[in-house]
Every structure is written in C-alpha cells, then in structure tokens.
Amino acid sequence: MVPSGSNDPYALRRQAYGIVRIVLENQMSFPLASLLSEVKALL
C-alpha cells in the first residue's frame, strides 16, 4: 500500500515528513538505511 500520485489514504507522506522534521529540527543523527535494516530484522 504505497502512496501514488495524490493518493495517500494512510497519510504516509505526512508521517515520513514528520520523522524528517523531528530528526532535522532536533539535530539528531538518523542513518536511515542502517536503521531500516535493523527494524526489518526486528519486525
């Protein structure tokens, strides 16, 4: 269920943008690819 065009019923764009804002505005290191690998292994 990947957003396409203007279709984003689960507000995933807003949620990803929320993560970007939290990370950047708090100056938090956020190595996305590495974190994604660890999250996948957990889930």
PDB file of all heavy atoms in Angstrom:
ATOM      1  N   MET A   1       0.846  -1.207   0.000  1.00  0.00           N
ATOM      2  CA  MET A   1       0.000   0.000   0.000  1.00  0.00           C
ATOM      3  C   MET A   1       0.876   1.250   0.000  1.00  0.00           C
ATOM      4  O   MET A   1       0.986   1.969   0.987  1.00  0.00           O
ATOM      5  CB  MET A   1      -0.943  -0.035   1.198  1.00  0.00           C
ATOM      6  CG  MET A   1      -1.995  -1.114   1.056  1.00  0.00           C
ATOM      7  SD  MET A   1      -3.076  -1.264   2.482  1.00  0.00           S
ATOM      8  CE  MET A   1      -2.064  -2.193   3.612  1.00  0.00           C
ATOM      9  N   VAL A   2       1.528   1.470  -1.141  1.00  0.00           N
ATOM     10  CA  VAL A   2       2.469   2.581  -1.305  1.00  0.00           C
ATOM     11  C   VAL A   2       1.720   3.782  -1.886  1.00  0.00           C
ATOM     12  O   VAL A   2       0.972   3.617  -2.851  1.00  0.00           O
ATOM     13  CB  VAL A   2       3.621   2.170  -2.251  1.00  0.00           C
ATOM     14  CG1 VAL A   2       4.608   3.306  -2.443  1.00  0.00           C
ATOM     15  CG2 VAL A   2       4.323   0.918  -1.710  1.00  0.00           C
ATOM     16  N   PRO A   3       1.893   4.978  -1.322  1.00  0.00           N
ATOM     17  CA  PRO A   3       1.198   6.149  -1.882  1.00  0.00           C
ATOM     18  C   PRO A   3       1.581   6.362  -3.344  1.00  0.00           C
ATOM     19  O   PRO A   3       2.744   6.179  -3.720  1.00  0.00           O
ATOM     20  CB  PRO A   3       1.716   7.311  -1.023  1.00  0.00           C
ATOM     21  CG  PRO A   3       2.213   6.685   0.223  1.00  0.00           C
ATOM     22  CD  PRO A   3       2.714   5.332  -0.166  1.00  0.00           C
ATOM     23  N   SER A   4       0.588   6.733  -4.146  1.00  0.00           N
ATOM     24  CA  SER A   4       0.885   7.016  -5.556  1.00  0.00           C
ATOM     25  C   SER A   4       0.100   8.251  -5.985  1.00  0.00           C
ATOM     26  O   SER A   4      -1.064   8.415  -5.613  1.00  0.00           O
ATOM     27  CB  SER A   4       0.495   5.830  -6.434  1.00  0.00           C
ATOM     28  OG  SER A   4      -0.893   5.562  -6.304  1.00  0.00           O
ATOM     29  N   GLY A   5       0.759   9.120  -6.753  1.00  0.00           N
ATOM     30  CA  GLY A   5       0.100  10.358  -7.168  1.00  0.00           C
ATOM     31  C   GLY A   5      -0.392  11.132  -5.961  1.00  0.00           C
ATOM     32  O   GLY A   5       0.331  11.306  -4.989  1.00  0.00           O
ATOM     33  N   SER A   6      -1.651  11.535  -6.018  1.00  0.00           N
ATOM     34  CA  SER A   6      -2.212  12.272  -4.867  1.00  0.00           C
ATOM     35  C   SER A   6      -2.867  11.310  -3.880  1.00  0.00           C
ATOM     36  O   SER A   6      -3.413  11.717  -2.864  1.00  0.00           O
ATOM     37  CB  SER A   6      -3.243  13.297  -5.353  1.00  0.00           C
ATOM     38  OG  SER A   6      -4.289  12.603  -6.022  1.00  0.00           O
ATOM     39  N   ASN A   7      -2.799  10.029  -4.172  1.00  0.00           N
ATOM     40  CA  ASN A   7      -3.465   9.023  -3.347  1.00  0.00           C
ATOM     41  C   ASN A   7      -2.582   8.602  -2.175  1.00  0.00           C
ATOM     42  O   ASN A   7      -1.548   7.972  -2.369  1.00  0.00           O
ATOM     43  CB  ASN A   7      -3.804   7.806  -4.223  1.00  0.00           C
ATOM     44  CG  ASN A   7      -4.647   6.793  -3.466  1.00  0.00           C
ATOM     45  OD1 ASN A   7      -5.457   7.167  -2.629  1.00  0.00           O
ATOM     46  ND2 ASN A   7      -4.452   5.521  -3.757  1.00  0.00           N
ATOM     47  N   ASP A   8      -2.978   8.969  -0.971  1.00  0.00           N
ATOM     48  CA  ASP A   8      -2.208   8.618   0.233  1.00  0.00           C
ATOM     49  C   ASP A   8      -3.176   8.472   1.407  1.00  0.00           C
ATOM     50  O   ASP A   8      -3.169   9.268   2.346  1.00  0.00           O
ATOM     51  CB  ASP A   8      -1.165   9.714   0.511  1.00  0.00           C
ATOM     52  CG  ASP A   8      -0.217   9.363   1.655  1.00  0.00           C
ATOM     53  OD1 ASP A   8      -0.219   8.198   2.099  1.00  0.00           O
ATOM     54  OD2 ASP A   8       0.506  10.264   2.116  1.00  0.00           O
ATOM     55  N   PRO A   9      -4.041   7.438   1.346  1.00  0.00           N
ATOM     56  CA  PRO A   9      -5.118   7.323   2.350  1.00  0.00           C
ATOM     57  C   PRO A   9      -4.631   7.153   3.787  1.00  0.00           C
ATOM     58  O   PRO A   9      -5.358   7.470   4.727  1.00  0.00           O
ATOM     59  CB  PRO A   9      -5.905   6.088   1.893  1.00  0.00           C
ATOM     60  CG  PRO A   9      -4.958   5.325   1.019  1.00  0.00           C
ATOM     61  CD  PRO A   9      -4.074   6.346   0.371  1.00  0.00           C
ATOM     62  N   TYR A  10      -3.415   6.658   3.972  1.00  0.00           N
ATOM     63  CA  TYR A  10      -2.923   6.421   5.331  1.00  0.00           C
ATOM     64  C   TYR A  10      -1.930   7.498   5.784  1.00  0.00           C
ATOM     65  O   TYR A  10      -1.204   7.310   6.758  1.00  0.00           O
ATOM     66  CB  TYR A  10      -2.323   5.015   5.435  1.00  0.00           C
ATOM     67  CG  TYR A  10      -3.313   3.976   4.969  1.00  0.00           C
ATOM     68  CD1 TYR A  10      -3.147   3.325   3.743  1.00  0.00           C
ATOM     69  CD2 TYR A  10      -4.467   3.709   5.711  1.00  0.00           C
ATOM     70  CE1 TYR A  10      -4.087   2.413   3.289  1.00  0.00           C
ATOM     71  CE2 TYR A  10      -5.419   2.798   5.261  1.00  0.00           C
ATOM     72  CZ  TYR A  10      -5.227   2.164   4.047  1.00  0.00           C
ATOM     73  OH  TYR A  10      -6.178   1.269   3.596  1.00  0.00           O
ATOM     74  N   ALA A  11      -1.902   8.599   5.054  1.00  0.00           N
ATOM     75  CA  ALA A  11      -1.075   9.772   5.413  1.00  0.00           C
ATOM     76  C   ALA A  11       0.393   9.396   5.640  1.00  0.00           C
ATOM     77  O   ALA A  11       1.038   9.911   6.551  1.00  0.00           O
ATOM     78  CB  ALA A  11      -1.648  10.466   6.648  1.00  0.00           C
ATOM     79  N   LEU A  12       0.909   8.501   4.815  1.00  0.00           N
ATOM     80  CA  LEU A  12       2.300   8.062   4.992  1.00  0.00           C
ATOM     81  C   LEU A  12       3.292   9.169   4.645  1.00  0.00           C
ATOM     82  O   LEU A  12       4.354   9.270   5.250  1.00  0.00           O
ATOM     83  CB  LEU A  12       2.583   6.809   4.151  1.00  0.00           C
ATOM     84  CG  LEU A  12       1.719   5.574   4.481  1.00  0.00           C
ATOM     85  CD1 LEU A  12       2.149   4.385   3.630  1.00  0.00           C
ATOM     86  CD2 LEU A  12       1.808   5.208   5.968  1.00  0.00           C
ATOM     87  N   ARG A  13       2.930  10.003   3.678  1.00  0.00           N
ATOM     88  CA  ARG A  13       3.824  11.126   3.349  1.00  0.00           C
ATOM     89  C   ARG A  13       3.949  12.057   4.553  1.00  0.00           C
ATOM     90  O   ARG A  13       5.042  12.517   4.879  1.00  0.00           O
ATOM     91  CB  ARG A  13       3.287  11.909   2.139  1.00  0.00           C
ATOM     92  CG  ARG A  13       3.433  11.172   0.809  1.00  0.00           C
ATOM     93  CD  ARG A  13       3.146  12.092  -0.369  1.00  0.00           C
ATOM     94  NE  ARG A  13       3.141  11.350  -1.626  1.00  0.00           N
ATOM     95  CZ  ARG A  13       2.042  10.925  -2.241  1.00  0.00           C
ATOM     96  NH1 ARG A  13       0.845  11.169  -1.719  1.00  0.00           N
ATOM     97  NH2 ARG A  13       2.118  10.266  -3.378  1.00  0.00           N
ATOM     98  N   ARG A  14       2.822  12.344   5.166  1.00  0.00           N
ATOM     99  CA  ARG A  14       2.849  13.243   6.327  1.00  0.00           C
ATOM    100  C   ARG A  14       3.674  12.624   7.458  1.00  0.00           C
ATOM    101  O   ARG A  14       4.409  13.314   8.164  1.00  0.00           O
ATOM    102  CB  ARG A  14       1.418  13.525   6.815  1.00  0.00           C
ATOM    103  CG  ARG A  14       1.342  14.683   7.810  1.00  0.00           C
ATOM    104  CD  ARG A  14      -0.011  14.776   8.469  1.00  0.00           C
ATOM    105  NE  ARG A  14      -0.159  13.751   9.487  1.00  0.00           N
ATOM    106  CZ  ARG A  14      -1.322  13.254   9.894  1.00  0.00           C
ATOM    107  NH1 ARG A  14      -2.439  13.655   9.358  1.00  0.00           N
ATOM    108  NH2 ARG A  14      -1.369  12.328  10.833  1.00  0.00           N
ATOM    109  N   GLN A  15       3.561  11.298   7.624  1.00  0.00           N
ATOM    110  CA  GLN A  15       4.304  10.642   8.698  1.00  0.00           C
ATOM    111  C   GLN A  15       5.811  10.644   8.418  1.00  0.00           C
ATOM    112  O   GLN A  15       6.614  10.885   9.321  1.00  0.00           O
ATOM    113  CB  GLN A  15       3.776   9.219   8.898  1.00  0.00           C
ATOM    114  CG  GLN A  15       2.316   9.237   9.380  1.00  0.00           C
ATOM    115  CD  GLN A  15       1.835   7.877   9.838  1.00  0.00           C
ATOM    116  OE1 GLN A  15       2.395   7.293  10.758  1.00  0.00           O
ATOM    117  NE2 GLN A  15       0.790   7.361   9.216  1.00  0.00           N
ATOM    118  N   ALA A  16       6.187  10.396   7.163  1.00  0.00           N
ATOM    119  CA  ALA A  16       7.621  10.433   6.821  1.00  0.00           C
ATOM    120  C   ALA A  16       8.156  11.856   6.974  1.00  0.00           C
ATOM    121  O   ALA A  16       9.261  12.064   7.480  1.00  0.00           O
ATOM    122  CB  ALA A  16       7.834   9.931   5.396  1.00  0.00           C
ATOM    123  N   TYR A  17       7.363  12.831   6.548  1.00  0.00           N
ATOM    124  CA  TYR A  17       7.786  14.235   6.675  1.00  0.00           C
ATOM    125  C   TYR A  17       7.896  14.607   8.156  1.00  0.00           C
ATOM    126  O   TYR A  17       8.792  15.360   8.550  1.00  0.00           O
ATOM    127  CB  TYR A  17       6.786  15.148   5.966  1.00  0.00           C
ATOM    128  CG  TYR A  17       7.274  16.572   5.798  1.00  0.00           C
ATOM    129  CD1 TYR A  17       8.313  16.862   4.920  1.00  0.00           C
ATOM    130  CD2 TYR A  17       6.709  17.626   6.506  1.00  0.00           C
ATOM    131  CE1 TYR A  17       8.779  18.161   4.749  1.00  0.00           C
ATOM    132  CE2 TYR A  17       7.155  18.929   6.348  1.00  0.00           C
ATOM    133  CZ  TYR A  17       8.189  19.190   5.464  1.00  0.00           C
ATOM    134  OH  TYR A  17       8.649  20.475   5.303  1.00  0.00           O
ATOM    135  N   GLY A  18       7.018  14.028   8.975  1.00  0.00           N
ATOM    136  CA  GLY A  18       7.087  14.253  10.426  1.00  0.00           C
ATOM    137  C   GLY A  18       8.395  13.738  11.002  1.00  0.00           C
ATOM    138  O   GLY A  18       9.047  14.410  11.803  1.00  0.00           O
ATOM    139  N   ILE A  19       8.814  12.540  10.558  1.00  0.00           N
ATOM    140  CA  ILE A  19      10.099  11.989  11.014  1.00  0.00           C
ATOM    141  C   ILE A  19      11.236  12.908  10.581  1.00  0.00           C
ATOM    142  O   ILE A  19      12.132  13.229  11.372  1.00  0.00           O
ATOM    143  CB  ILE A  19      10.320  10.559  10.466  1.00  0.00           C
ATOM    144  CG1 ILE A  19       9.322   9.580  11.108  1.00  0.00           C
ATOM    145  CG2 ILE A  19      11.754  10.087  10.735  1.00  0.00           C
ATOM    146  CD1 ILE A  19       9.366   8.166  10.545  1.00  0.00           C
ATOM    147  N   VAL A  20      11.205  13.336   9.320  1.00  0.00           N
ATOM    148  CA  VAL A  20      12.251  14.235   8.800  1.00  0.00           C
ATOM    149  C   VAL A  20      12.341  15.492   9.655  1.00  0.00           C
ATOM    150  O   VAL A  20      13.430  15.919  10.063  1.00  0.00           O
ATOM    151  CB  VAL A  20      11.969  14.594   7.312  1.00  0.00           C
ATOM    152  CG1 VAL A  20      12.791  15.798   6.859  1.00  0.00           C
ATOM    153  CG2 VAL A  20      12.260  13.384   6.418  1.00  0.00           C
ATOM    154  N   ARG A  21      11.195  16.082   9.976  1.00  0.00           N
ATOM    155  CA  ARG A  21      11.204  17.317  10.777  1.00  0.00           C
ATOM    156  C   ARG A  21      11.736  17.069  12.190  1.00  0.00           C
ATOM    157  O   ARG A  21      12.537  17.846  12.712  1.00  0.00           O
ATOM    158  CB  ARG A  21       9.789  17.909  10.856  1.00  0.00           C
ATOM    159  CG  ARG A  21       9.398  18.695   9.604  1.00  0.00           C
ATOM    160  CD  ARG A  21       8.199  19.575   9.872  1.00  0.00           C
ATOM    161  NE  ARG A  21       8.439  20.468  10.989  1.00  0.00           N
ATOM    162  CZ  ARG A  21       7.498  20.879  11.835  1.00  0.00           C
ATOM    163  NH1 ARG A  21       6.255  20.472  11.723  1.00  0.00           N
ATOM    164  NH2 ARG A  21       7.795  21.698  12.838  1.00  0.00           N
ATOM    165  N   ILE A  22      11.279  15.993  12.819  1.00  0.00           N
ATOM    166  CA  ILE A  22      11.723  15.690  14.198  1.00  0.00           C
ATOM    167  C   ILE A  22      13.242  15.509  14.220  1.00  0.00           C
ATOM    168  O   ILE A  22      13.939  16.054  15.077  1.00  0.00           O
ATOM    169  CB  ILE A  22      11.019  14.418  14.735  1.00  0.00           C
ATOM    170  CG1 ILE A  22       9.528  14.693  14.971  1.00  0.00           C
ATOM    171  CG2 ILE A  22      11.665  13.955  16.049  1.00  0.00           C
ATOM    172  CD1 ILE A  22       8.693  13.433  15.219  1.00  0.00           C
ATOM    173  N   VAL A  23      13.749  14.749  13.247  1.00  0.00           N
ATOM    174  CA  VAL A  23      15.184  14.447  13.178  1.00  0.00           C
ATOM    175  C   VAL A  23      16.005  15.711  12.917  1.00  0.00           C
ATOM    176  O   VAL A  23      16.967  16.007  13.628  1.00  0.00           O
ATOM    177  CB  VAL A  23      15.441  13.392  12.075  1.00  0.00           C
ATOM    178  CG1 VAL A  23      16.911  13.285  11.761  1.00  0.00           C
ATOM    179  CG2 VAL A  23      14.888  12.037  12.496  1.00  0.00           C
ATOM    180  N   LEU A  24      15.608  16.471  11.895  1.00  0.00           N
ATOM    181  CA  LEU A  24      16.409  17.630  11.491  1.00  0.00           C
ATOM    182  C   LEU A  24      16.315  18.766  12.505  1.00  0.00           C
ATOM    183  O   LEU A  24      17.308  19.428  12.803  1.00  0.00           O
ATOM    184  CB  LEU A  24      15.985  18.123  10.104  1.00  0.00           C
ATOM    185  CG  LEU A  24      16.147  17.129   8.952  1.00  0.00           C
ATOM    186  CD1 LEU A  24      15.834  17.796   7.624  1.00  0.00           C
ATOM    187  CD2 LEU A  24      17.544  16.526   8.921  1.00  0.00           C
ATOM    188  N   GLU A  25      15.128  18.987  13.035  1.00  0.00           N
ATOM    189  CA  GLU A  25      14.960  20.129  13.948  1.00  0.00           C
ATOM    190  C   GLU A  25      15.521  19.844  15.342  1.00  0.00           C
ATOM    191  O   GLU A  25      15.746  20.760  16.122  1.00  0.00           O
ATOM    192  CB  GLU A  25      13.489  20.568  13.970  1.00  0.00           C
ATOM    193  CG  GLU A  25      13.115  21.234  12.641  1.00  0.00           C
ATOM    194  CD  GLU A  25      11.621  21.445  12.429  1.00  0.00           C
ATOM    195  OE1 GLU A  25      10.903  21.660  13.421  1.00  0.00           O
ATOM    196  OE2 GLU A  25      11.178  21.402  11.256  1.00  0.00           O
ATOM    197  N   ASN A  26      15.757  18.560  15.633  1.00  0.00           N
ATOM    198  CA  ASN A  26      16.431  18.211  16.894  1.00  0.00           C
ATOM    199  C   ASN A  26      17.911  17.895  16.659  1.00  0.00           C
ATOM    200  O   ASN A  26      18.603  17.468  17.577  1.00  0.00           O
ATOM    201  CB  ASN A  26      15.753  17.000  17.548  1.00  0.00           C
ATOM    202  CG  ASN A  26      14.456  17.366  18.233  1.00  0.00           C
ATOM    203  OD1 ASN A  26      14.444  18.240  19.098  1.00  0.00           O
ATOM    204  ND2 ASN A  26      13.369  16.736  17.856  1.00  0.00           N
ATOM    205  N   GLN A  27      18.356  18.050  15.391  1.00  0.00           N
ATOM    206  CA  GLN A  27      19.748  17.755  15.014  1.00  0.00           C
ATOM    207  C   GLN A  27      20.167  16.358  15.471  1.00  0.00           C
ATOM    208  O   GLN A  27      21.230  16.148  16.051  1.00  0.00           O
ATOM    209  CB  GLN A  27      20.697  18.824  15.589  1.00  0.00           C
ATOM    210  CG  GLN A  27      20.385  20.212  15.047  1.00  0.00           C
ATOM    211  CD  GLN A  27      21.284  21.293  15.608  1.00  0.00           C
ATOM    212  OE1 GLN A  27      21.983  21.094  16.594  1.00  0.00           O
ATOM    213  NE2 GLN A  27      21.276  22.457  14.992  1.00  0.00           N
ATOM    214  N   MET A  28      19.272  15.390  15.199  1.00  0.00           N
ATOM    215  CA  MET A  28      19.532  14.002  15.575  1.00  0.00           C
ATOM    216  C   MET A  28      20.165  13.269  14.392  1.00  0.00           C
ATOM    217  O   MET A  28      19.667  13.372  13.276  1.00  0.00           O
ATOM    218  CB  MET A  28      18.212  13.281  15.914  1.00  0.00           C
ATOM    219  CG  MET A  28      17.499  13.797  17.138  1.00  0.00           C
ATOM    220  SD  MET A  28      15.751  13.277  17.166  1.00  0.00           S
ATOM    221  CE  MET A  28      15.918  11.492  17.290  1.00  0.00           C
ATOM    222  N   SER A  29      21.222  12.541  14.659  1.00  0.00           N
ATOM    223  CA  SER A  29      21.786  11.671  13.625  1.00  0.00           C
ATOM    224  C   SER A  29      20.720  10.625  13.280  1.00  0.00           C
ATOM    225  O   SER A  29      20.081  10.071  14.170  1.00  0.00           O
ATOM    226  CB  SER A  29      23.042  10.987  14.174  1.00  0.00           C
ATOM    227  OG  SER A  29      23.461  10.000  13.286  1.00  0.00           O
ATOM    228  N   PHE A  30      20.506  10.382  11.989  1.00  0.00           N
ATOM    229  CA  PHE A  30      19.473   9.416  11.596  1.00  0.00           C
ATOM    230  C   PHE A  30      19.939   8.649  10.357  1.00  0.00           C
ATOM    231  O   PHE A  30      19.562   8.969   9.232  1.00  0.00           O
ATOM    232  CB  PHE A  30      18.155  10.148  11.315  1.00  0.00           C
ATOM    233  CG  PHE A  30      16.933   9.251  11.318  1.00  0.00           C
ATOM    234  CD1 PHE A  30      16.403   8.783  12.507  1.00  0.00           C
ATOM    235  CD2 PHE A  30      16.320   8.885  10.126  1.00  0.00           C
ATOM    236  CE1 PHE A  30      15.285   7.957  12.517  1.00  0.00           C
ATOM    237  CE2 PHE A  30      15.203   8.066  10.121  1.00  0.00           C
ATOM    238  CZ  PHE A  30      14.677   7.605  11.322  1.00  0.00           C
ATOM    239  N   PRO A  31      20.809   7.617  10.572  1.00  0.00           N
ATOM    240  CA  PRO A  31      21.309   6.813   9.438  1.00  0.00           C
ATOM    241  C   PRO A  31      20.197   5.872   8.951  1.00  0.00           C
ATOM    242  O   PRO A  31      20.087   4.736   9.403  1.00  0.00           O
ATOM    243  CB  PRO A  31      22.488   6.048  10.044  1.00  0.00           C
ATOM    244  CG  PRO A  31      22.192   5.976  11.510  1.00  0.00           C
ATOM    245  CD  PRO A  31      21.346   7.165  11.856  1.00  0.00           C
ATOM    246  N   LEU A  32      19.405   6.359   8.027  1.00  0.00           N
ATOM    247  CA  LEU A  32      18.149   5.696   7.658  1.00  0.00           C
ATOM    248  C   LEU A  32      18.332   4.268   7.166  1.00  0.00           C
ATOM    249  O   LEU A  32      17.638   3.355   7.621  1.00  0.00           O
ATOM    250  CB  LEU A  32      17.414   6.543   6.607  1.00  0.00           C
ATOM    251  CG  LEU A  32      16.067   5.996   6.126  1.00  0.00           C
ATOM    252  CD1 LEU A  32      15.101   5.812   7.285  1.00  0.00           C
ATOM    253  CD2 LEU A  32      15.459   6.924   5.087  1.00  0.00           C
ATOM    254  N   ALA A  33      19.262   4.043   6.226  1.00  0.00           N
ATOM    255  CA  ALA A  33      19.414   2.699   5.646  1.00  0.00           C
ATOM    256  C   ALA A  33      19.790   1.675   6.718  1.00  0.00           C
ATOM    257  O   ALA A  33      19.241   0.571   6.760  1.00  0.00           O
ATOM    258  CB  ALA A  33      20.454   2.719   4.536  1.00  0.00           C
ATOM    259  N   SER A  34      20.713   2.044   7.614  1.00  0.00           N
ATOM    260  CA  SER A  34      21.135   1.122   8.681  1.00  0.00           C
ATOM    261  C   SER A  34      19.981   0.850   9.651  1.00  0.00           C
ATOM    262  O   SER A  34      19.748  -0.299  10.044  1.00  0.00           O
ATOM    263  CB  SER A  34      22.309   1.708   9.467  1.00  0.00           C
ATOM    264  OG  SER A  34      23.369   1.997   8.603  1.00  0.00           O
ATOM    265  N   LEU A  35      19.265   1.916  10.022  1.00  0.00           N
ATOM    266  CA  LEU A  35      18.128   1.743  10.939  1.00  0.00           C
ATOM    267  C   LEU A  35      17.061   0.859  10.306  1.00  0.00           C
ATOM    268  O   LEU A  35      16.475  -0.001  10.970  1.00  0.00           O
ATOM    269  CB  LEU A  35      17.516   3.102  11.289  1.00  0.00           C
ATOM    270  CG  LEU A  35      18.123   3.843  12.477  1.00  0.00           C
ATOM    271  CD1 LEU A  35      17.533   5.238  12.602  1.00  0.00           C
ATOM    272  CD2 LEU A  35      17.904   3.083  13.788  1.00  0.00           C
ATOM    273  N   LEU A  36      16.836   1.055   9.017  1.00  0.00           N
ATOM    274  CA  LEU A  36      15.828   0.275   8.306  1.00  0.00           C
ATOM    275  C   LEU A  36      16.174  -1.213   8.343  1.00  0.00           C
ATOM    276  O   LEU A  36      15.302  -2.059   8.573  1.00  0.00           O
ATOM    277  CB  LEU A  36      15.752   0.774   6.860  1.00  0.00           C
ATOM    278  CG  LEU A  36      14.509   0.419   6.049  1.00  0.00           C
ATOM    279  CD1 LEU A  36      13.237   0.836   6.759  1.00  0.00           C
ATOM    280  CD2 LEU A  36      14.576   1.071   4.671  1.00  0.00           C
ATOM    281  N   SER A  37      17.453  -1.527   8.158  1.00  0.00           N
ATOM    282  CA  SER A  37      17.890  -2.940   8.212  1.00  0.00           C
ATOM    283  C   SER A  37      17.603  -3.542   9.583  1.00  0.00           C
ATOM    284  O   SER A  37      17.128  -4.675   9.690  1.00  0.00           O
ATOM    285  CB  SER A  37      19.385  -3.047   7.918  1.00  0.00           C
ATOM    286  OG  SER A  37      19.645  -2.646   6.610  1.00  0.00           O
ATOM    287  N   GLU A  38      17.902  -2.758  10.630  1.00  0.00           N
ATOM    288  CA  GLU A  38      17.680  -3.271  11.994  1.00  0.00           C
ATOM    289  C   GLU A  38      16.188  -3.408  12.301  1.00  0.00           C
ATOM    290  O   GLU A  38      15.764  -4.376  12.937  1.00  0.00           O
ATOM    291  CB  GLU A  38      18.350  -2.336  13.008  1.00  0.00           C
ATOM    292  CG  GLU A  38      19.872  -2.352  12.906  1.00  0.00           C
ATOM    293  CD  GLU A  38      20.534  -1.464  13.956  1.00  0.00           C
ATOM    294  OE1 GLU A  38      20.704  -1.942  15.091  1.00  0.00           O
ATOM    295  OE2 GLU A  38      20.854  -0.299  13.643  1.00  0.00           O
ATOM    296  N   VAL A  39      15.398  -2.452  11.828  1.00  0.00           N
ATOM    297  CA  VAL A  39      13.940  -2.512  12.046  1.00  0.00           C
ATOM    298  C   VAL A  39      13.361  -3.737  11.337  1.00  0.00           C
ATOM    299  O   VAL A  39      12.536  -4.469  11.901  1.00  0.00           O
ATOM    300  CB  VAL A  39      13.261  -1.211  11.552  1.00  0.00           C
ATOM    301  CG1 VAL A  39      11.745  -1.383  11.462  1.00  0.00           C
ATOM    302  CG2 VAL A  39      13.600  -0.048  12.487  1.00  0.00           C
ATOM    303  N   LYS A  40      13.820  -3.996  10.119  1.00  0.00           N
ATOM    304  CA  LYS A  40      13.313  -5.156   9.365  1.00  0.00           C
ATOM    305  C   LYS A  40      13.633  -6.465  10.097  1.00  0.00           C
ATOM    306  O   LYS A  40      12.785  -7.352  10.192  1.00  0.00           O
ATOM    307  CB  LYS A  40      13.938  -5.186   7.962  1.00  0.00           C
ATOM    308  CG  LYS A  40      13.412  -4.099   7.041  1.00  0.00           C
ATOM    309  CD  LYS A  40      13.837  -4.304   5.598  1.00  0.00           C
ATOM    310  CE  LYS A  40      15.295  -4.663   5.474  1.00  0.00           C
ATOM    311  NZ  LYS A  40      15.726  -4.788   4.067  1.00  0.00           N
ATOM    312  N   ALA A  41      14.849  -6.554  10.618  1.00  0.00           N
ATOM    313  CA  ALA A  41      15.244  -7.782  11.341  1.00  0.00           C
ATOM    314  C   ALA A  41      14.358  -7.990  12.574  1.00  0.00           C
ATOM    315  O   ALA A  41      13.995  -9.124  12.898  1.00  0.00           O
ATOM    316  CB  ALA A  41      16.710  -7.686  11.739  1.00  0.00           C
ATOM    317  N   LEU A  42      14.010  -6.887  13.236  1.00  0.00           N
ATOM    318  CA  LEU A  42      13.157  -6.987  14.433  1.00  0.00           C
ATOM    319  C   LEU A  42      11.718  -7.365  14.084  1.00  0.00           C
ATOM    320  O   LEU A  42      11.076  -8.157  14.775  1.00  0.00           O
ATOM    321  CB  LEU A  42      13.136  -5.635  15.179  1.00  0.00           C
ATOM    322  CG  LEU A  42      14.377  -5.214  15.965  1.00  0.00           C
ATOM    323  CD1 LEU A  42      14.204  -3.783  16.462  1.00  0.00           C
ATOM    324  CD2 LEU A  42      14.600  -6.153  17.147  1.00  0.00           C
ATOM    325  N   LEU A  43      11.196  -6.758  13.007  1.00  0.00           N
ATOM    326  CA  LEU A  43       9.761  -6.885  12.720  1.00  0.00           C
ATOM    327  C   LEU A  43       9.396  -8.075  11.842  1.00  0.00           C
ATOM    328  O   LEU A  43       8.257  -8.539  11.893  1.00  0.00           O
ATOM    329  CB  LEU A  43       9.224  -5.608  12.065  1.00  0.00           C
ATOM    330  CG  LEU A  43       9.326  -4.301  12.854  1.00  0.00           C
ATOM    331  CD1 LEU A  43       8.436  -3.238  12.216  1.00  0.00           C
ATOM    332  CD2 LEU A  43       8.949  -4.464  14.322  1.00  0.00           C
TER     333      LEU A  43
END
